[in-house]
N, C-alpha and C. Protein backbone atom coordinates (compact mmCIF):
# COMPACT_ATOMS: atom_id res chain seq x y z
N MET A 1 27.39 30.27 50.27
CA MET A 1 27.18 28.96 50.86
C MET A 1 28.37 28.59 51.74
N ARG A 2 28.12 27.73 52.66
CA ARG A 2 29.13 27.27 53.60
C ARG A 2 29.85 26.03 53.07
N ASN A 3 31.16 26.00 53.22
CA ASN A 3 31.93 24.82 52.84
C ASN A 3 31.94 23.85 54.01
N VAL A 4 31.74 22.57 53.72
CA VAL A 4 31.70 21.54 54.75
C VAL A 4 32.90 20.62 54.55
N PRO A 5 33.73 20.42 55.58
CA PRO A 5 34.87 19.51 55.45
C PRO A 5 34.40 18.08 55.17
N VAL A 6 35.13 17.37 54.33
CA VAL A 6 34.82 15.97 54.02
C VAL A 6 35.76 15.09 54.83
N ASP A 7 35.20 14.13 55.56
CA ASP A 7 36.00 13.18 56.33
C ASP A 7 36.54 12.12 55.36
N VAL A 8 37.76 12.33 54.89
CA VAL A 8 38.34 11.44 53.88
C VAL A 8 38.55 10.03 54.40
N THR A 9 38.60 9.84 55.71
CA THR A 9 38.78 8.49 56.25
C THR A 9 37.55 7.63 56.03
N ARG A 10 36.40 8.25 55.81
CA ARG A 10 35.16 7.49 55.60
C ARG A 10 34.87 7.26 54.12
N VAL A 11 35.63 7.91 53.26
CA VAL A 11 35.38 7.79 51.82
C VAL A 11 36.05 6.56 51.24
N GLY A 12 37.19 6.19 51.77
CA GLY A 12 37.93 5.05 51.22
C GLY A 12 39.00 5.52 50.26
N VAL A 13 39.07 4.91 49.10
CA VAL A 13 40.12 5.18 48.13
C VAL A 13 39.65 6.21 47.11
N PHE A 14 40.52 7.14 46.76
CA PHE A 14 40.27 8.11 45.70
C PHE A 14 41.11 7.69 44.50
N LEU A 15 40.49 7.34 43.38
CA LEU A 15 41.20 6.90 42.18
C LEU A 15 41.05 7.96 41.10
N CYS A 16 42.18 8.50 40.62
CA CYS A 16 42.16 9.54 39.60
C CYS A 16 41.66 8.98 38.27
N VAL A 17 40.62 9.62 37.70
CA VAL A 17 40.10 9.19 36.40
C VAL A 17 40.26 10.28 35.34
N SER A 18 40.57 11.52 35.76
CA SER A 18 40.80 12.59 34.78
C SER A 18 41.47 13.78 35.45
N LYS A 19 42.10 14.60 34.62
CA LYS A 19 42.73 15.84 35.09
C LYS A 19 42.67 16.82 33.93
N GLU A 20 42.06 17.99 34.18
CA GLU A 20 41.95 18.97 33.10
C GLU A 20 41.88 20.38 33.66
N GLN A 21 42.20 21.34 32.81
CA GLN A 21 42.11 22.74 33.20
C GLN A 21 40.64 23.11 33.42
N LYS A 22 40.39 23.95 34.42
CA LYS A 22 39.04 24.46 34.65
C LYS A 22 38.91 25.71 33.79
N THR A 23 37.97 25.70 32.86
CA THR A 23 37.86 26.80 31.90
C THR A 23 36.56 27.57 32.06
N ASP A 24 36.59 28.82 31.62
CA ASP A 24 35.41 29.67 31.59
C ASP A 24 34.52 29.19 30.46
N ARG A 25 33.25 29.04 30.75
CA ARG A 25 32.31 28.52 29.76
C ARG A 25 32.21 29.41 28.52
N ASP A 26 32.20 30.72 28.74
CA ASP A 26 32.02 31.65 27.62
C ASP A 26 33.27 31.86 26.79
N SER A 27 34.39 32.14 27.45
CA SER A 27 35.62 32.49 26.73
C SER A 27 36.52 31.30 26.43
N GLY A 28 36.39 30.22 27.21
CA GLY A 28 37.27 29.07 27.04
C GLY A 28 38.61 29.24 27.72
N ALA A 29 38.85 30.41 28.34
CA ALA A 29 40.11 30.67 29.03
C ALA A 29 40.15 29.91 30.35
N GLN A 30 41.35 29.54 30.76
CA GLN A 30 41.51 28.84 32.03
C GLN A 30 41.16 29.78 33.18
N ARG A 31 40.36 29.29 34.11
CA ARG A 31 39.98 30.09 35.28
C ARG A 31 41.12 30.09 36.29
N ALA A 32 41.11 31.10 37.16
CA ALA A 32 42.14 31.22 38.20
C ALA A 32 41.47 31.62 39.51
N ASN A 33 42.16 31.36 40.62
CA ASN A 33 41.63 31.77 41.92
C ASN A 33 41.92 33.25 42.15
N ARG A 34 41.58 33.76 43.33
CA ARG A 34 41.77 35.18 43.63
C ARG A 34 43.22 35.62 43.58
N ASP A 35 44.14 34.67 43.80
CA ASP A 35 45.57 34.98 43.77
C ASP A 35 46.17 34.84 42.37
N GLY A 36 45.33 34.52 41.38
CA GLY A 36 45.81 34.37 40.02
C GLY A 36 46.38 33.01 39.69
N VAL A 37 46.26 32.04 40.61
CA VAL A 37 46.76 30.68 40.37
C VAL A 37 45.74 29.92 39.52
N PRO A 38 46.16 29.32 38.40
CA PRO A 38 45.23 28.58 37.53
C PRO A 38 44.55 27.44 38.28
N LEU A 39 43.24 27.24 37.96
CA LEU A 39 42.46 26.16 38.59
C LEU A 39 42.42 24.94 37.69
N TRP A 40 42.44 23.78 38.34
CA TRP A 40 42.36 22.49 37.67
C TRP A 40 41.24 21.67 38.28
N THR A 41 40.68 20.77 37.49
CA THR A 41 39.66 19.85 37.96
C THR A 41 40.21 18.43 37.88
N VAL A 42 40.14 17.73 39.00
CA VAL A 42 40.58 16.33 39.06
C VAL A 42 39.35 15.46 39.23
N GLY A 43 39.09 14.58 38.28
CA GLY A 43 37.99 13.62 38.37
C GLY A 43 38.45 12.43 39.20
N VAL A 44 37.63 12.05 40.19
CA VAL A 44 38.02 11.02 41.14
C VAL A 44 36.88 10.02 41.31
N ALA A 45 37.19 8.74 41.15
CA ALA A 45 36.22 7.69 41.45
C ALA A 45 36.31 7.37 42.93
N VAL A 46 35.16 7.32 43.59
CA VAL A 46 35.10 7.02 45.02
C VAL A 46 33.98 6.02 45.27
N ARG A 47 34.13 5.25 46.36
CA ARG A 47 33.06 4.35 46.77
C ARG A 47 33.02 4.31 48.29
N PRO A 48 32.28 5.25 48.89
CA PRO A 48 32.17 5.23 50.35
C PRO A 48 31.50 3.94 50.81
N VAL A 49 31.87 3.50 51.99
CA VAL A 49 31.32 2.27 52.55
C VAL A 49 29.80 2.38 52.60
N GLY A 50 29.13 1.38 52.06
CA GLY A 50 27.68 1.32 52.09
C GLY A 50 26.98 2.09 50.98
N TYR A 51 27.73 2.70 50.09
CA TYR A 51 27.14 3.47 49.00
C TYR A 51 27.66 2.99 47.66
N ARG A 52 27.00 3.40 46.59
CA ARG A 52 27.46 3.07 45.25
C ARG A 52 28.66 3.93 44.87
N ALA A 53 29.44 3.42 43.94
CA ALA A 53 30.58 4.18 43.44
C ALA A 53 30.09 5.37 42.63
N SER A 54 30.86 6.45 42.68
CA SER A 54 30.52 7.62 41.88
C SER A 54 31.81 8.35 41.52
N VAL A 55 31.68 9.28 40.60
CA VAL A 55 32.81 10.12 40.22
C VAL A 55 32.49 11.53 40.67
N ILE A 56 33.45 12.13 41.38
CA ILE A 56 33.31 13.52 41.78
C ILE A 56 34.43 14.30 41.11
N GLU A 57 34.21 15.59 40.95
CA GLU A 57 35.24 16.46 40.41
C GLU A 57 35.68 17.41 41.50
N VAL A 58 36.98 17.47 41.74
CA VAL A 58 37.54 18.29 42.80
C VAL A 58 38.38 19.39 42.17
N THR A 59 38.12 20.64 42.54
CA THR A 59 38.88 21.77 42.03
C THR A 59 40.07 22.04 42.94
N VAL A 60 41.25 22.20 42.34
CA VAL A 60 42.46 22.54 43.07
C VAL A 60 43.16 23.67 42.33
N ALA A 61 43.93 24.47 43.08
CA ALA A 61 44.70 25.57 42.48
C ALA A 61 46.09 25.05 42.13
N GLY A 62 46.54 25.34 40.92
CA GLY A 62 47.84 24.88 40.45
C GLY A 62 47.73 23.51 39.80
N GLU A 63 48.57 23.28 38.79
CA GLU A 63 48.50 22.00 38.08
C GLU A 63 48.92 20.87 39.01
N PRO A 64 48.03 19.89 39.22
CA PRO A 64 48.36 18.78 40.11
C PRO A 64 49.33 17.80 39.45
N ALA A 65 50.27 17.30 40.22
CA ALA A 65 51.26 16.33 39.72
C ALA A 65 50.72 14.92 39.92
N VAL A 66 49.58 14.64 39.30
CA VAL A 66 48.95 13.32 39.39
C VAL A 66 48.57 12.87 37.99
N GLU A 67 48.41 11.57 37.84
CA GLU A 67 48.04 11.00 36.54
C GLU A 67 46.86 10.06 36.71
N VAL A 68 46.14 9.84 35.62
CA VAL A 68 45.02 8.91 35.61
C VAL A 68 45.48 7.53 36.07
N GLY A 69 44.70 6.91 36.95
CA GLY A 69 45.01 5.58 37.45
C GLY A 69 45.70 5.58 38.80
N GLN A 70 46.17 6.74 39.26
CA GLN A 70 46.86 6.80 40.55
C GLN A 70 45.86 6.97 41.69
N VAL A 71 46.21 6.42 42.85
CA VAL A 71 45.43 6.61 44.07
C VAL A 71 45.90 7.93 44.68
N LEU A 72 44.94 8.76 45.08
CA LEU A 72 45.24 10.12 45.51
C LEU A 72 44.93 10.36 46.99
N SER A 73 45.51 11.43 47.51
CA SER A 73 45.14 11.94 48.83
C SER A 73 44.93 13.44 48.70
N PHE A 74 43.97 13.97 49.46
CA PHE A 74 43.63 15.39 49.40
C PHE A 74 43.91 16.05 50.73
N VAL A 75 44.25 17.33 50.68
CA VAL A 75 44.41 18.14 51.88
C VAL A 75 43.24 19.12 51.93
N ASN A 76 42.54 19.11 53.05
CA ASN A 76 41.39 20.01 53.28
C ASN A 76 40.32 19.90 52.19
N LEU A 77 39.87 18.68 51.92
CA LEU A 77 38.78 18.46 50.97
C LEU A 77 37.48 18.99 51.58
N GLU A 78 36.77 19.82 50.81
CA GLU A 78 35.51 20.41 51.27
C GLU A 78 34.44 20.26 50.20
N ALA A 79 33.19 20.21 50.65
CA ALA A 79 32.05 20.17 49.74
C ALA A 79 31.18 21.39 50.01
N SER A 80 30.56 21.91 48.97
CA SER A 80 29.60 23.00 49.15
C SER A 80 28.42 22.77 48.21
N LEU A 81 27.25 23.07 48.71
CA LEU A 81 26.01 22.92 47.94
C LEU A 81 25.81 24.15 47.07
N TRP A 82 25.43 23.95 45.81
CA TRP A 82 25.15 25.07 44.93
C TRP A 82 23.77 24.89 44.31
N GLU A 83 23.19 26.01 43.92
CA GLU A 83 21.90 26.00 43.24
C GLU A 83 21.85 27.17 42.27
N ILE A 84 21.59 26.86 41.00
CA ILE A 84 21.52 27.89 39.95
C ILE A 84 20.39 27.53 39.01
N GLU A 85 19.47 28.46 38.82
CA GLU A 85 18.37 28.31 37.86
C GLU A 85 17.66 26.97 37.97
N GLY A 86 17.31 26.57 39.18
CA GLY A 86 16.56 25.34 39.39
C GLY A 86 17.40 24.07 39.41
N ARG A 87 18.68 24.17 39.15
CA ARG A 87 19.58 23.01 39.24
C ARG A 87 20.38 23.12 40.51
N ALA A 88 20.75 21.97 41.08
CA ALA A 88 21.53 21.98 42.32
C ALA A 88 22.51 20.82 42.30
N GLY A 89 23.54 20.94 43.13
CA GLY A 89 24.52 19.87 43.23
C GLY A 89 25.55 20.19 44.29
N LEU A 90 26.57 19.35 44.34
CA LEU A 90 27.68 19.55 45.26
C LEU A 90 28.92 19.90 44.47
N ALA A 91 29.67 20.87 44.96
CA ALA A 91 30.95 21.21 44.37
C ALA A 91 32.03 20.85 45.39
N TYR A 92 33.13 20.30 44.92
CA TYR A 92 34.23 19.89 45.80
C TYR A 92 35.47 20.71 45.48
N ARG A 93 36.21 21.06 46.51
CA ARG A 93 37.49 21.75 46.34
C ARG A 93 38.44 21.23 47.41
N ALA A 94 39.73 21.36 47.14
CA ALA A 94 40.76 20.96 48.10
C ALA A 94 41.93 21.92 47.99
N ASP A 95 42.67 22.05 49.09
CA ASP A 95 43.86 22.90 49.07
C ASP A 95 44.92 22.30 48.16
N SER A 96 45.03 20.97 48.18
CA SER A 96 46.01 20.31 47.31
C SER A 96 45.64 18.85 47.14
N VAL A 97 46.26 18.24 46.13
CA VAL A 97 46.09 16.82 45.85
C VAL A 97 47.46 16.25 45.50
N ALA A 98 47.69 15.01 45.91
CA ALA A 98 48.96 14.34 45.62
C ALA A 98 48.70 12.85 45.49
N VAL A 99 49.70 12.16 44.96
CA VAL A 99 49.63 10.70 44.92
C VAL A 99 49.69 10.20 46.36
N ALA A 100 48.82 9.27 46.70
CA ALA A 100 48.80 8.73 48.06
C ALA A 100 50.12 8.02 48.34
N PRO A 101 50.66 8.19 49.54
CA PRO A 101 51.92 7.51 49.87
C PRO A 101 51.74 6.00 49.88
N ALA A 102 52.78 5.29 49.48
CA ALA A 102 52.74 3.82 49.49
C ALA A 102 52.43 3.36 50.91
N GLY A 103 51.50 2.45 51.03
CA GLY A 103 51.13 1.95 52.34
C GLY A 103 50.18 2.87 53.07
N GLY A 104 49.97 4.08 52.55
CA GLY A 104 49.07 5.02 53.20
C GLY A 104 47.65 4.96 52.69
N VAL A 105 47.40 4.04 51.78
CA VAL A 105 46.07 3.90 51.22
C VAL A 105 45.21 3.10 52.18
N PRO A 106 44.04 3.63 52.57
CA PRO A 106 43.20 2.88 53.49
C PRO A 106 42.68 1.61 52.82
N PRO A 107 42.52 0.53 53.58
CA PRO A 107 41.98 -0.68 52.99
C PRO A 107 40.53 -0.46 52.57
N VAL A 108 40.14 -1.08 51.48
CA VAL A 108 38.77 -0.98 51.02
C VAL A 108 37.94 -1.97 51.83
N PRO A 109 36.95 -1.48 52.60
CA PRO A 109 36.17 -2.39 53.43
C PRO A 109 35.34 -3.33 52.60
N GLU A 110 35.07 -4.48 53.16
CA GLU A 110 34.21 -5.46 52.50
C GLU A 110 32.79 -4.93 52.48
N MET A 111 32.13 -5.06 51.34
CA MET A 111 30.73 -4.66 51.24
C MET A 111 29.87 -5.85 51.63
N PRO A 112 28.71 -5.61 52.27
CA PRO A 112 27.83 -6.73 52.60
C PRO A 112 27.39 -7.44 51.33
N ALA A 113 27.22 -8.75 51.43
CA ALA A 113 26.78 -9.53 50.28
C ALA A 113 25.39 -9.08 49.88
N ALA A 114 25.15 -9.07 48.56
CA ALA A 114 23.83 -8.68 48.05
C ALA A 114 22.81 -9.73 48.42
N ASP A 115 21.62 -9.28 48.75
CA ASP A 115 20.52 -10.18 49.07
C ASP A 115 20.02 -10.80 47.76
N PRO A 116 20.05 -12.13 47.63
CA PRO A 116 19.64 -12.76 46.36
C PRO A 116 18.18 -12.51 46.02
N ARG A 117 17.39 -12.08 47.00
CA ARG A 117 15.98 -11.81 46.75
C ARG A 117 15.76 -10.42 46.20
N GLY A 118 16.83 -9.65 46.06
CA GLY A 118 16.70 -8.30 45.53
C GLY A 118 16.52 -7.30 46.65
N SER A 119 16.35 -6.04 46.28
CA SER A 119 16.27 -4.98 47.27
C SER A 119 14.93 -4.92 47.98
N ARG A 120 13.91 -5.61 47.47
CA ARG A 120 12.60 -5.56 48.10
C ARG A 120 12.45 -6.57 49.22
N GLY A 121 13.42 -7.45 49.31
CA GLY A 121 13.38 -8.43 50.41
C GLY A 121 12.67 -9.71 50.05
N GLY A 122 11.60 -9.66 49.29
CA GLY A 122 10.90 -10.87 48.87
C GLY A 122 10.21 -11.57 50.04
N ALA A 123 9.60 -12.67 49.72
CA ALA A 123 8.89 -13.46 50.76
C ALA A 123 9.88 -14.26 51.55
N LYS A 124 9.55 -14.52 52.80
CA LYS A 124 10.43 -15.31 53.67
C LYS A 124 9.96 -16.71 53.79
């Protein structure tokens, strides 16, 4: 599958919600990349403008120096579509992750006010 670059300027803020070793399902051993560098998974809460908030997991090589609750920045964040045995999803990877520099955090845009009539619009 092809990796697609993610435009991080359109995503908004990345908030770290977890950090753990990426392990092999069968053996439980920590997985590594082709160069033998251990892989880690960083759970990140995101809320792109106009969409609902979600948590994505981003794989990085080497233990990231980040902690839960910190705002993060990624270098070369990419997404790739996967499909296995009738299941499908998106996998995310980045060359590196770090704590976002002070003042370097993009402002969170204002979301449009919810329509009090609900999502169906209702009668006018």
